[in-house]
Amino acid sequence: MGKKLLESADTEELLWEFARDGFSLYFCGGRSQPTMIVGAYEWDDYIDIVNIRGDNRVTAARVPRRGEVDIFSPETIVWFYQGNVDLTLKAMLRLVHPEHPDAPSTEHPPPSDLHVPRAEQRPMTIRRADATRIAARAAKLAAQIPELSAEPEPRRTRWWTWLAGLFRRIGRRGRTARTEHVSGSVRCGRCSGRASGR
């Protein structure tokens, strides 16, 4: 029997926590004794990928989606992290929502460890993520996106506020016009003209 891909029980538990957070898992070489595990979480415009080749050889990346994306050989990335399995999985789980202001967006070539030759992929066992877990992860990260502006005032409220302000201005100007009408009709006409033009 060959060497296990992940040596410790704690590491395996972290992997299942990772799967419970909405990631699908691809066991290259078979599930019983895989030679590599690839995890993937799909956003609308990106795919988050983790490539596990051993306890201390793990690569995480965020890959832009342009049509069909090969998670075993991405062509470009916007973020990556390499290290041991504990630090790398935690870095991926902490990566912000793609629409967060701090989300990475600059594209650059991927590290070579993200490339998995077809011969190393087979046989493959796939553990698809549950749809509810996928949605839960998306909602959790979306809740961390800061509000860019205050909630807009409802349209009807804005309209009544504007109308009330207009009536107040007309009332003030009407009082001014009546006062000035005694001394000159030209200025009164200018005030009336302004009010009717608003």
N, C-alpha and C. Protein backbone atom coordinates (compact mmCIF):
# COMPACT_ATOMS: atom_id res chain seq x y z
N MET A 1 0.85 -1.20 0.00
CA MET A 1 0.00 0.00 0.00
C MET A 1 0.88 1.25 0.00
N GLY A 2 0.58 2.21 -0.83
CA GLY A 2 1.39 3.41 -0.94
C GLY A 2 1.16 4.38 0.19
N LYS A 3 1.91 5.45 0.15
CA LYS A 3 1.81 6.49 1.16
C LYS A 3 0.51 7.27 1.01
N LYS A 4 -0.12 7.59 2.14
CA LYS A 4 -1.36 8.36 2.10
C LYS A 4 -1.08 9.79 1.66
N LEU A 5 -2.04 10.35 0.93
CA LEU A 5 -1.88 11.72 0.44
C LEU A 5 -1.87 12.70 1.61
N LEU A 6 -2.80 12.53 2.54
CA LEU A 6 -2.88 13.37 3.73
C LEU A 6 -2.59 12.51 4.95
N GLU A 7 -1.58 12.90 5.73
CA GLU A 7 -1.07 12.04 6.78
C GLU A 7 -1.90 12.05 8.06
N SER A 8 -2.38 13.22 8.47
CA SER A 8 -3.02 13.32 9.79
C SER A 8 -4.53 13.35 9.70
N ALA A 9 -5.16 12.89 10.78
CA ALA A 9 -6.63 12.93 10.87
C ALA A 9 -7.13 14.36 10.91
N ASP A 10 -6.38 15.25 11.55
CA ASP A 10 -6.78 16.67 11.61
C ASP A 10 -6.82 17.28 10.22
N THR A 11 -5.85 16.90 9.39
CA THR A 11 -5.81 17.41 8.03
C THR A 11 -7.01 16.92 7.22
N GLU A 12 -7.35 15.65 7.39
CA GLU A 12 -8.50 15.10 6.68
C GLU A 12 -9.80 15.77 7.14
N GLU A 13 -9.90 16.08 8.43
CA GLU A 13 -11.08 16.76 8.94
C GLU A 13 -11.20 18.15 8.36
N LEU A 14 -10.05 18.85 8.22
CA LEU A 14 -10.05 20.17 7.60
C LEU A 14 -10.51 20.09 6.15
N LEU A 15 -10.13 19.03 5.47
CA LEU A 15 -10.55 18.84 4.08
C LEU A 15 -12.07 18.67 4.01
N TRP A 16 -12.66 17.91 4.92
CA TRP A 16 -14.11 17.72 4.90
C TRP A 16 -14.84 18.99 5.31
N GLU A 17 -14.22 19.78 6.19
CA GLU A 17 -14.79 21.10 6.51
C GLU A 17 -14.81 21.97 5.25
N PHE A 18 -13.76 21.87 4.49
CA PHE A 18 -13.64 22.58 3.22
C PHE A 18 -14.76 22.14 2.27
N ALA A 19 -15.01 20.84 2.21
CA ALA A 19 -16.07 20.32 1.35
C ALA A 19 -17.44 20.78 1.85
N ARG A 20 -17.62 20.82 3.16
CA ARG A 20 -18.91 21.26 3.71
C ARG A 20 -19.17 22.74 3.44
N ASP A 21 -18.13 23.47 3.07
CA ASP A 21 -18.30 24.90 2.77
C ASP A 21 -18.67 25.12 1.31
N GLY A 22 -19.02 24.06 0.60
CA GLY A 22 -19.54 24.22 -0.75
C GLY A 22 -18.61 23.84 -1.89
N PHE A 23 -17.45 23.29 -1.59
CA PHE A 23 -16.50 22.91 -2.63
C PHE A 23 -16.75 21.47 -3.10
N SER A 24 -16.76 21.29 -4.41
CA SER A 24 -16.76 19.94 -4.98
C SER A 24 -15.33 19.40 -4.93
N LEU A 25 -15.20 18.08 -4.73
CA LEU A 25 -13.87 17.46 -4.62
C LEU A 25 -13.68 16.45 -5.74
N TYR A 26 -12.51 16.50 -6.37
CA TYR A 26 -12.14 15.57 -7.44
C TYR A 26 -10.95 14.77 -6.95
N PHE A 27 -11.15 13.46 -6.76
CA PHE A 27 -10.10 12.59 -6.25
C PHE A 27 -9.41 11.93 -7.44
N CYS A 28 -8.23 12.42 -7.77
CA CYS A 28 -7.47 11.88 -8.91
C CYS A 28 -6.72 10.62 -8.46
N GLY A 29 -6.91 9.53 -9.21
CA GLY A 29 -6.31 8.27 -8.82
C GLY A 29 -7.26 7.40 -8.01
N GLY A 30 -8.49 7.88 -7.83
CA GLY A 30 -9.47 7.11 -7.07
C GLY A 30 -9.61 7.63 -5.65
N ARG A 31 -10.81 7.45 -5.07
CA ARG A 31 -11.09 8.03 -3.76
C ARG A 31 -10.40 7.29 -2.62
N SER A 32 -10.22 5.98 -2.76
CA SER A 32 -9.65 5.21 -1.66
C SER A 32 -8.20 5.57 -1.39
N GLN A 33 -7.44 5.86 -2.45
CA GLN A 33 -6.04 6.23 -2.27
C GLN A 33 -5.63 7.22 -3.37
N PRO A 34 -6.16 8.45 -3.31
CA PRO A 34 -5.88 9.41 -4.38
C PRO A 34 -4.43 9.87 -4.38
N THR A 35 -3.96 10.21 -5.56
CA THR A 35 -2.62 10.79 -5.69
C THR A 35 -2.68 12.31 -5.64
N MET A 36 -3.91 12.84 -5.79
CA MET A 36 -4.11 14.30 -5.80
C MET A 36 -5.60 14.56 -5.57
N ILE A 37 -5.90 15.66 -4.89
CA ILE A 37 -7.28 16.09 -4.70
C ILE A 37 -7.41 17.52 -5.20
N VAL A 38 -8.41 17.76 -6.04
CA VAL A 38 -8.68 19.11 -6.53
C VAL A 38 -10.06 19.51 -6.03
N GLY A 39 -10.13 20.67 -5.37
CA GLY A 39 -11.40 21.22 -4.91
C GLY A 39 -11.78 22.42 -5.76
N ALA A 40 -13.08 22.59 -6.01
CA ALA A 40 -13.53 23.70 -6.86
C ALA A 40 -14.86 24.25 -6.36
N TYR A 41 -14.94 25.59 -6.35
CA TYR A 41 -16.18 26.29 -6.02
C TYR A 41 -16.45 27.28 -7.14
N GLU A 42 -17.64 27.24 -7.72
CA GLU A 42 -17.94 28.04 -8.90
C GLU A 42 -18.77 29.28 -8.56
N TRP A 43 -18.22 30.46 -8.92
CA TRP A 43 -18.95 31.71 -8.90
C TRP A 43 -19.46 31.98 -10.31
N ASP A 44 -20.19 33.07 -10.48
CA ASP A 44 -20.65 33.42 -11.83
C ASP A 44 -19.49 33.72 -12.77
N ASP A 45 -18.50 34.47 -12.27
CA ASP A 45 -17.41 34.93 -13.13
C ASP A 45 -16.04 34.36 -12.75
N TYR A 46 -15.99 33.53 -11.72
CA TYR A 46 -14.72 32.96 -11.27
C TYR A 46 -14.93 31.53 -10.79
N ILE A 47 -13.83 30.80 -10.68
CA ILE A 47 -13.83 29.50 -10.02
C ILE A 47 -12.69 29.50 -9.01
N ASP A 48 -12.99 29.16 -7.76
CA ASP A 48 -11.97 29.01 -6.74
C ASP A 48 -11.50 27.55 -6.76
N ILE A 49 -10.19 27.36 -6.86
CA ILE A 49 -9.61 26.02 -7.01
C ILE A 49 -8.55 25.79 -5.95
N VAL A 50 -8.53 24.57 -5.43
CA VAL A 50 -7.45 24.14 -4.54
C VAL A 50 -6.90 22.82 -5.07
N ASN A 51 -5.59 22.76 -5.22
CA ASN A 51 -4.90 21.57 -5.71
C ASN A 51 -4.05 21.01 -4.58
N ILE A 52 -4.39 19.81 -4.12
CA ILE A 52 -3.69 19.18 -2.98
C ILE A 52 -2.87 18.01 -3.48
N ARG A 53 -1.55 18.14 -3.40
CA ARG A 53 -0.65 17.07 -3.81
C ARG A 53 0.03 16.41 -2.61
N GLY A 54 -0.21 16.95 -1.44
CA GLY A 54 0.39 16.41 -0.22
C GLY A 54 0.19 17.40 0.90
N ASP A 55 0.56 17.01 2.13
CA ASP A 55 0.37 17.89 3.28
C ASP A 55 1.06 19.23 3.12
N ASN A 56 2.20 19.25 2.46
CA ASN A 56 2.98 20.47 2.35
C ASN A 56 3.13 20.95 0.91
N ARG A 57 2.24 20.49 0.07
CA ARG A 57 2.29 20.91 -1.34
C ARG A 57 0.86 21.17 -1.82
N VAL A 58 0.36 22.35 -1.44
CA VAL A 58 -1.02 22.71 -1.73
C VAL A 58 -1.04 24.09 -2.39
N THR A 59 -1.84 24.23 -3.43
CA THR A 59 -1.98 25.50 -4.14
C THR A 59 -3.45 25.86 -4.25
N ALA A 60 -3.78 27.09 -3.88
CA ALA A 60 -5.14 27.61 -4.02
C ALA A 60 -5.11 28.77 -5.01
N ALA A 61 -6.18 28.93 -5.78
CA ALA A 61 -6.21 30.01 -6.77
C ALA A 61 -7.64 30.39 -7.10
N ARG A 62 -7.80 31.63 -7.56
CA ARG A 62 -9.08 32.10 -8.11
C ARG A 62 -8.88 32.31 -9.60
N VAL A 63 -9.73 31.66 -10.40
CA VAL A 63 -9.57 31.63 -11.85
C VAL A 63 -10.73 32.35 -12.52
N PRO A 64 -10.45 33.31 -13.42
CA PRO A 64 -11.55 33.97 -14.16
C PRO A 64 -12.26 32.97 -15.07
N ARG A 65 -13.58 33.15 -15.21
CA ARG A 65 -14.35 32.29 -16.09
C ARG A 65 -14.57 32.98 -17.42
N ARG A 66 -14.10 32.36 -18.48
CA ARG A 66 -14.38 32.82 -19.84
C ARG A 66 -14.79 31.60 -20.65
N GLY A 67 -16.06 31.36 -20.69
CA GLY A 67 -16.53 30.14 -21.34
C GLY A 67 -16.17 28.94 -20.48
N GLU A 68 -15.73 27.87 -21.14
CA GLU A 68 -15.35 26.65 -20.44
C GLU A 68 -13.97 26.83 -19.80
N VAL A 69 -13.87 26.50 -18.50
CA VAL A 69 -12.60 26.58 -17.78
C VAL A 69 -12.18 25.18 -17.37
N ASP A 70 -10.95 24.81 -17.69
CA ASP A 70 -10.40 23.52 -17.27
C ASP A 70 -9.78 23.70 -15.88
N ILE A 71 -10.43 23.16 -14.85
CA ILE A 71 -9.92 23.36 -13.49
C ILE A 71 -8.61 22.61 -13.27
N PHE A 72 -8.26 21.72 -14.18
CA PHE A 72 -7.00 20.97 -14.05
C PHE A 72 -5.86 21.64 -14.82
N SER A 73 -6.19 22.69 -15.55
CA SER A 73 -5.14 23.41 -16.29
C SER A 73 -5.61 24.83 -16.63
N PRO A 74 -5.84 25.66 -15.61
CA PRO A 74 -6.31 27.04 -15.88
C PRO A 74 -5.23 27.85 -16.60
N GLU A 75 -5.69 28.77 -17.43
CA GLU A 75 -4.76 29.56 -18.23
C GLU A 75 -4.36 30.87 -17.54
N THR A 76 -5.21 31.36 -16.67
CA THR A 76 -4.89 32.61 -15.98
C THR A 76 -5.57 32.62 -14.62
N ILE A 77 -5.02 33.40 -13.69
CA ILE A 77 -5.57 33.50 -12.34
C ILE A 77 -5.54 34.95 -11.89
N VAL A 78 -6.26 35.25 -10.81
CA VAL A 78 -6.20 36.60 -10.24
C VAL A 78 -5.65 36.58 -8.81
N TRP A 79 -5.52 35.38 -8.25
CA TRP A 79 -5.00 35.24 -6.87
C TRP A 79 -4.54 33.80 -6.68
N PHE A 80 -3.47 33.62 -5.89
CA PHE A 80 -3.10 32.26 -5.51
C PHE A 80 -2.34 32.27 -4.18
N TYR A 81 -2.31 31.11 -3.56
CA TYR A 81 -1.61 30.92 -2.29
C TYR A 81 -1.03 29.51 -2.31
N GLN A 82 0.22 29.37 -1.88
CA GLN A 82 0.87 28.06 -1.81
C GLN A 82 1.46 27.86 -0.42
N GLY A 83 1.32 26.65 0.09
CA GLY A 83 1.87 26.33 1.41
C GLY A 83 1.41 24.96 1.85
N ASN A 84 1.37 24.75 3.17
CA ASN A 84 0.87 23.47 3.66
C ASN A 84 -0.65 23.45 3.60
N VAL A 85 -1.22 22.30 3.82
CA VAL A 85 -2.65 22.14 3.62
C VAL A 85 -3.46 22.99 4.59
N ASP A 86 -3.00 23.11 5.83
CA ASP A 86 -3.74 23.88 6.83
C ASP A 86 -3.82 25.36 6.45
N LEU A 87 -2.67 25.96 6.17
CA LEU A 87 -2.65 27.39 5.86
C LEU A 87 -3.33 27.71 4.53
N THR A 88 -3.16 26.83 3.56
CA THR A 88 -3.70 27.11 2.24
C THR A 88 -5.21 26.99 2.20
N LEU A 89 -5.75 25.95 2.84
CA LEU A 89 -7.21 25.82 2.87
C LEU A 89 -7.84 26.97 3.64
N LYS A 90 -7.21 27.38 4.73
CA LYS A 90 -7.75 28.51 5.50
C LYS A 90 -7.66 29.80 4.71
N ALA A 91 -6.59 29.97 3.93
CA ALA A 91 -6.48 31.17 3.08
C ALA A 91 -7.60 31.20 2.05
N MET A 92 -7.91 30.05 1.47
CA MET A 92 -8.99 30.00 0.51
C MET A 92 -10.34 30.29 1.16
N LEU A 93 -10.57 29.73 2.34
CA LEU A 93 -11.84 29.95 3.02
C LEU A 93 -12.02 31.41 3.44
N ARG A 94 -10.89 32.12 3.61
CA ARG A 94 -10.95 33.55 3.99
C ARG A 94 -11.01 34.47 2.78
N LEU A 95 -10.82 33.95 1.60
CA LEU A 95 -10.82 34.79 0.39
C LEU A 95 -12.20 35.42 0.22
N VAL A 96 -12.21 36.73 -0.01
CA VAL A 96 -13.47 37.47 -0.04
C VAL A 96 -14.28 37.18 -1.31
N HIS A 97 -15.54 37.54 -1.25
CA HIS A 97 -16.47 37.43 -2.38
C HIS A 97 -15.89 38.18 -3.58
N PRO A 98 -16.07 37.65 -4.80
CA PRO A 98 -15.54 38.33 -5.99
C PRO A 98 -16.01 39.77 -6.16
N GLU A 99 -17.18 40.13 -5.60
CA GLU A 99 -17.69 41.49 -5.74
C GLU A 99 -17.29 42.39 -4.57
N HIS A 100 -16.53 41.88 -3.64
CA HIS A 100 -16.03 42.69 -2.53
C HIS A 100 -15.02 43.71 -3.06
N PRO A 101 -14.99 44.93 -2.51
CA PRO A 101 -14.02 45.93 -2.99
C PRO A 101 -12.56 45.47 -2.90
N ASP A 102 -12.25 44.59 -1.97
CA ASP A 102 -10.88 44.12 -1.80
C ASP A 102 -10.58 42.85 -2.59
N ALA A 103 -11.52 42.37 -3.38
CA ALA A 103 -11.31 41.13 -4.13
C ALA A 103 -10.23 41.32 -5.19
N PRO A 104 -9.36 40.34 -5.37
CA PRO A 104 -8.31 40.46 -6.40
C PRO A 104 -8.93 40.41 -7.80
N SER A 105 -8.32 41.15 -8.73
CA SER A 105 -8.86 41.17 -10.09
C SER A 105 -7.78 41.24 -11.17
N THR A 106 -6.51 41.47 -10.78
CA THR A 106 -5.43 41.56 -11.76
C THR A 106 -5.03 40.16 -12.21
N GLU A 107 -5.05 39.93 -13.50
CA GLU A 107 -4.77 38.60 -14.02
C GLU A 107 -3.27 38.39 -14.23
N HIS A 108 -2.84 37.15 -13.99
CA HIS A 108 -1.45 36.77 -14.24
C HIS A 108 -1.37 35.26 -14.44
N PRO A 109 -0.26 34.74 -14.94
CA PRO A 109 -0.16 33.31 -15.23
C PRO A 109 -0.26 32.48 -13.95
N PRO A 110 -0.77 31.26 -14.06
CA PRO A 110 -0.90 30.40 -12.88
C PRO A 110 0.41 29.72 -12.53
N PRO A 111 0.58 29.33 -11.27
CA PRO A 111 1.75 28.52 -10.91
C PRO A 111 1.65 27.13 -11.54
N SER A 112 2.78 26.51 -11.77
CA SER A 112 2.80 25.23 -12.49
C SER A 112 2.08 24.11 -11.75
N ASP A 113 2.02 24.19 -10.43
CA ASP A 113 1.38 23.12 -9.65
C ASP A 113 -0.12 23.01 -9.91
N LEU A 114 -0.73 24.03 -10.51
CA LEU A 114 -2.15 23.95 -10.83
C LEU A 114 -2.42 23.07 -12.04
N HIS A 115 -1.39 22.78 -12.81
CA HIS A 115 -1.56 21.95 -14.00
C HIS A 115 -1.52 20.48 -13.61
N VAL A 116 -2.57 19.76 -13.96
CA VAL A 116 -2.66 18.32 -13.70
C VAL A 116 -2.80 17.60 -15.03
N PRO A 117 -1.75 16.90 -15.48
CA PRO A 117 -1.84 16.18 -16.75
C PRO A 117 -2.98 15.16 -16.73
N ARG A 118 -3.58 14.92 -17.90
CA ARG A 118 -4.72 14.02 -17.98
C ARG A 118 -4.38 12.63 -17.44
N ALA A 119 -3.16 12.17 -17.69
CA ALA A 119 -2.78 10.84 -17.22
C ALA A 119 -2.82 10.74 -15.70
N GLU A 120 -2.62 11.88 -15.00
CA GLU A 120 -2.65 11.86 -13.54
C GLU A 120 -4.06 12.03 -12.98
N GLN A 121 -5.01 12.38 -13.84
CA GLN A 121 -6.38 12.59 -13.37
C GLN A 121 -7.16 11.29 -13.23
N ARG A 122 -6.80 10.26 -14.01
CA ARG A 122 -7.58 9.03 -14.05
C ARG A 122 -6.91 7.91 -13.24
N PRO A 123 -7.76 7.05 -12.64
CA PRO A 123 -9.22 7.16 -12.51
C PRO A 123 -9.59 8.31 -11.59
N MET A 124 -10.82 8.81 -11.72
CA MET A 124 -11.25 9.96 -10.92
C MET A 124 -12.59 9.68 -10.25
N THR A 125 -12.67 10.07 -8.97
CA THR A 125 -13.93 10.03 -8.24
C THR A 125 -14.32 11.46 -7.91
N ILE A 126 -15.58 11.82 -8.17
CA ILE A 126 -16.03 13.20 -7.96
C ILE A 126 -17.08 13.24 -6.85
N ARG A 127 -16.86 14.11 -5.90
CA ARG A 127 -17.84 14.34 -4.84
C ARG A 127 -18.42 15.74 -5.04
N ARG A 128 -19.62 15.81 -5.61
CA ARG A 128 -20.24 17.09 -5.92
C ARG A 128 -20.74 17.77 -4.64
N ALA A 129 -20.58 19.07 -4.59
CA ALA A 129 -21.07 19.84 -3.43
C ALA A 129 -22.58 19.91 -3.46
N ASP A 130 -23.17 19.92 -2.29
CA ASP A 130 -24.61 20.08 -2.16
C ASP A 130 -25.01 21.51 -2.50
N ALA A 131 -26.13 21.67 -3.23
CA ALA A 131 -26.56 23.00 -3.67
C ALA A 131 -26.82 23.94 -2.50
N THR A 132 -27.33 23.41 -1.40
CA THR A 132 -27.60 24.27 -0.24
C THR A 132 -26.31 24.79 0.37
N ARG A 133 -25.27 23.98 0.36
CA ARG A 133 -23.97 24.43 0.91
C ARG A 133 -23.32 25.45 -0.01
N ILE A 134 -23.50 25.27 -1.31
CA ILE A 134 -22.98 26.25 -2.27
C ILE A 134 -23.64 27.60 -2.03
N ALA A 135 -24.97 27.58 -1.89
CA ALA A 135 -25.71 28.82 -1.66
C ALA A 135 -25.36 29.44 -0.32
N ALA A 136 -25.14 28.61 0.69
CA ALA A 136 -24.80 29.12 2.02
C ALA A 136 -23.45 29.85 2.00
N ARG A 137 -22.49 29.31 1.29
CA ARG A 137 -21.18 29.98 1.19
C ARG A 137 -21.30 31.31 0.46
N ALA A 138 -22.06 31.33 -0.62
CA ALA A 138 -22.24 32.57 -1.37
C ALA A 138 -22.90 33.63 -0.50
N ALA A 139 -23.92 33.24 0.26
CA ALA A 139 -24.62 34.20 1.13
C ALA A 139 -23.72 34.69 2.25
N LYS A 140 -22.93 33.79 2.81
CA LYS A 140 -22.02 34.16 3.91
C LYS A 140 -21.00 35.20 3.45
N LEU A 141 -20.41 34.98 2.29
CA LEU A 141 -19.40 35.93 1.81
C LEU A 141 -20.05 37.21 1.29
N ALA A 142 -21.25 37.12 0.73
CA ALA A 142 -21.95 38.32 0.27
C ALA A 142 -22.28 39.23 1.44
N ALA A 143 -22.55 38.64 2.61
CA ALA A 143 -22.88 39.44 3.79
C ALA A 143 -21.69 40.25 4.29
N GLN A 144 -20.49 39.90 3.83
CA GLN A 144 -19.29 40.62 4.25
C GLN A 144 -18.94 41.78 3.32
N ILE A 145 -19.72 41.97 2.26
CA ILE A 145 -19.47 43.08 1.35
C ILE A 145 -19.99 44.36 1.98
N PRO A 146 -19.15 45.37 2.20
CA PRO A 146 -19.61 46.60 2.85
C PRO A 146 -20.59 47.36 1.97
N GLU A 147 -21.48 48.08 2.62
CA GLU A 147 -22.43 48.92 1.88
C GLU A 147 -21.66 50.07 1.25
N LEU A 148 -21.79 50.22 -0.04
CA LEU A 148 -21.08 51.30 -0.73
C LEU A 148 -21.77 52.64 -0.53
N SER A 149 -23.05 52.62 -0.23
CA SER A 149 -23.78 53.86 0.01
C SER A 149 -24.97 53.53 0.90
N ALA A 150 -25.55 54.56 1.50
CA ALA A 150 -26.73 54.35 2.34
C ALA A 150 -27.88 53.87 1.48
N GLU A 151 -28.80 53.16 2.08
CA GLU A 151 -29.96 52.67 1.34
C GLU A 151 -30.74 53.84 0.77
N PRO A 152 -31.01 53.82 -0.52
CA PRO A 152 -31.71 54.97 -1.13
C PRO A 152 -33.09 55.17 -0.55
N GLU A 153 -33.49 56.44 -0.46
CA GLU A 153 -34.81 56.76 0.04
C GLU A 153 -35.85 56.27 -0.96
N PRO A 154 -36.95 55.68 -0.50
CA PRO A 154 -37.98 55.22 -1.44
C PRO A 154 -38.42 56.33 -2.38
N ARG A 155 -38.74 55.97 -3.61
CA ARG A 155 -39.05 56.97 -4.64
C ARG A 155 -40.21 57.88 -4.23
N ARG A 156 -41.28 57.29 -3.66
CA ARG A 156 -42.44 58.09 -3.30
C ARG A 156 -42.09 59.10 -2.21
N THR A 157 -41.25 58.66 -1.24
CA THR A 157 -40.84 59.58 -0.18
C THR A 157 -40.00 60.71 -0.74
N ARG A 158 -39.11 60.42 -1.67
CA ARG A 158 -38.28 61.46 -2.28
C ARG A 158 -39.17 62.47 -3.00
N TRP A 159 -40.21 61.97 -3.71
CA TRP A 159 -41.08 62.87 -4.48
C TRP A 159 -41.84 63.80 -3.55
N TRP A 160 -42.39 63.26 -2.43
CA TRP A 160 -43.12 64.12 -1.50
C TRP A 160 -42.21 65.12 -0.82
N THR A 161 -40.98 64.71 -0.52
CA THR A 161 -40.02 65.64 0.09
C THR A 161 -39.72 66.79 -0.85
N TRP A 162 -39.52 66.46 -2.14
CA TRP A 162 -39.23 67.50 -3.14
C TRP A 162 -40.43 68.44 -3.30
N LEU A 163 -41.64 67.85 -3.35
CA LEU A 163 -42.84 68.67 -3.55
C LEU A 163 -43.07 69.61 -2.37
N ALA A 164 -42.89 69.09 -1.15
CA ALA A 164 -43.08 69.93 0.04
C ALA A 164 -42.07 71.06 0.05
N GLY A 165 -40.82 70.77 -0.32
CA GLY A 165 -39.80 71.81 -0.38
C GLY A 165 -40.13 72.86 -1.42
N LEU A 166 -40.69 72.42 -2.56
CA LEU A 166 -41.07 73.36 -3.61
C LEU A 166 -42.17 74.31 -3.11
N PHE A 167 -43.18 73.76 -2.42
CA PHE A 167 -44.24 74.61 -1.90
C PHE A 167 -43.71 75.62 -0.89
N ARG A 168 -42.76 75.18 -0.06
CA ARG A 168 -42.18 76.11 0.93
C ARG A 168 -41.45 77.24 0.22
N ARG A 169 -40.69 76.90 -0.85
CA ARG A 169 -39.95 77.93 -1.57
C ARG A 169 -40.90 78.90 -2.26
N ILE A 170 -41.97 78.34 -2.87
CA ILE A 170 -42.95 79.21 -3.53
C ILE A 170 -43.61 80.14 -2.52
N GLY A 171 -43.94 79.58 -1.35
CA GLY A 171 -44.57 80.40 -0.32
C GLY A 171 -43.69 81.53 0.14
N ARG A 172 -42.39 81.22 0.34
CA ARG A 172 -41.46 82.28 0.76
C ARG A 172 -41.31 83.33 -0.31
N ARG A 173 -41.19 82.88 -1.54
CA ARG A 173 -41.00 83.84 -2.63
C ARG A 173 -42.27 84.64 -2.88
N GLY A 174 -43.42 83.98 -2.69
CA GLY A 174 -44.67 84.72 -2.85
C GLY A 174 -44.80 85.83 -1.84
N ARG A 175 -44.38 85.54 -0.58
CA ARG A 175 -44.43 86.60 0.44
C ARG A 175 -43.47 87.73 0.10
N THR A 176 -42.28 87.36 -0.41
CA THR A 176 -41.31 88.39 -0.80
C THR A 176 -41.85 89.22 -1.95
N ALA A 177 -42.49 88.55 -2.91
CA ALA A 177 -43.03 89.28 -4.07
C ALA A 177 -44.11 90.26 -3.65
N ARG A 178 -44.98 89.81 -2.74
CA ARG A 178 -46.05 90.71 -2.32
C ARG A 178 -45.47 91.94 -1.61
N THR A 179 -44.41 91.77 -0.89
CA THR A 179 -43.80 92.89 -0.19
C THR A 179 -43.16 93.85 -1.17
N GLU A 180 -42.47 93.29 -2.18
CA GLU A 180 -41.74 94.12 -3.12
C GLU A 180 -42.66 94.72 -4.20
N HIS A 181 -43.85 94.19 -4.33
CA HIS A 181 -44.77 94.67 -5.36
C HIS A 181 -45.12 96.16 -5.17
N VAL A 182 -45.04 96.59 -3.95
CA VAL A 182 -45.37 97.99 -3.67
C VAL A 182 -44.36 98.92 -4.31
N SER A 183 -43.10 98.53 -4.32
CA SER A 183 -42.06 99.43 -4.77
C SER A 183 -41.69 99.22 -6.24
N GLY A 184 -42.03 98.05 -6.83
CA GLY A 184 -41.65 97.89 -8.23
C GLY A 184 -42.19 96.60 -8.82
N SER A 185 -42.86 96.72 -9.95
CA SER A 185 -43.46 95.54 -10.57
C SER A 185 -42.42 94.68 -11.28
N VAL A 186 -41.28 95.24 -11.69
CA VAL A 186 -40.27 94.47 -12.43
C VAL A 186 -39.72 93.36 -11.56
N ARG A 187 -39.30 93.67 -10.32
CA ARG A 187 -38.75 92.66 -9.44
C ARG A 187 -39.80 91.63 -9.08
N CYS A 188 -41.04 92.07 -8.93
CA CYS A 188 -42.12 91.12 -8.64
C CYS A 188 -42.27 90.13 -9.79
N GLY A 189 -42.19 90.67 -11.04
CA GLY A 189 -42.31 89.81 -12.22
C GLY A 189 -41.17 88.79 -12.28
N ARG A 190 -39.95 89.17 -11.91
CA ARG A 190 -38.81 88.27 -11.93
C ARG A 190 -39.03 87.15 -10.91
N CYS A 191 -39.53 87.49 -9.72
CA CYS A 191 -39.77 86.45 -8.73
C CYS A 191 -40.83 85.48 -9.20
N SER A 192 -41.93 86.04 -9.80
CA SER A 192 -42.98 85.17 -10.29
C SER A 192 -42.46 84.27 -11.39
N GLY A 193 -41.61 84.85 -12.24
CA GLY A 193 -41.05 84.06 -13.35
C GLY A 193 -40.21 82.90 -12.84
N ARG A 194 -39.42 83.14 -11.81
CA ARG A 194 -38.59 82.06 -11.27
C ARG A 194 -39.45 80.95 -10.70
N ALA A 195 -40.49 81.32 -9.95
CA ALA A 195 -41.32 80.32 -9.32
C ALA A 195 -42.03 79.46 -10.38
N SER A 196 -42.55 80.10 -11.42
CA SER A 196 -43.29 79.35 -12.42
C SER A 196 -42.35 78.49 -13.28
N GLY A 197 -41.09 78.86 -13.32
CA GLY A 197 -40.15 78.08 -14.14
C GLY A 197 -39.64 76.85 -13.43
N ARG A 198 -39.89 76.70 -12.15
CA ARG A 198 -39.41 75.53 -11.40
C ARG A 198 -40.41 74.39 -11.46
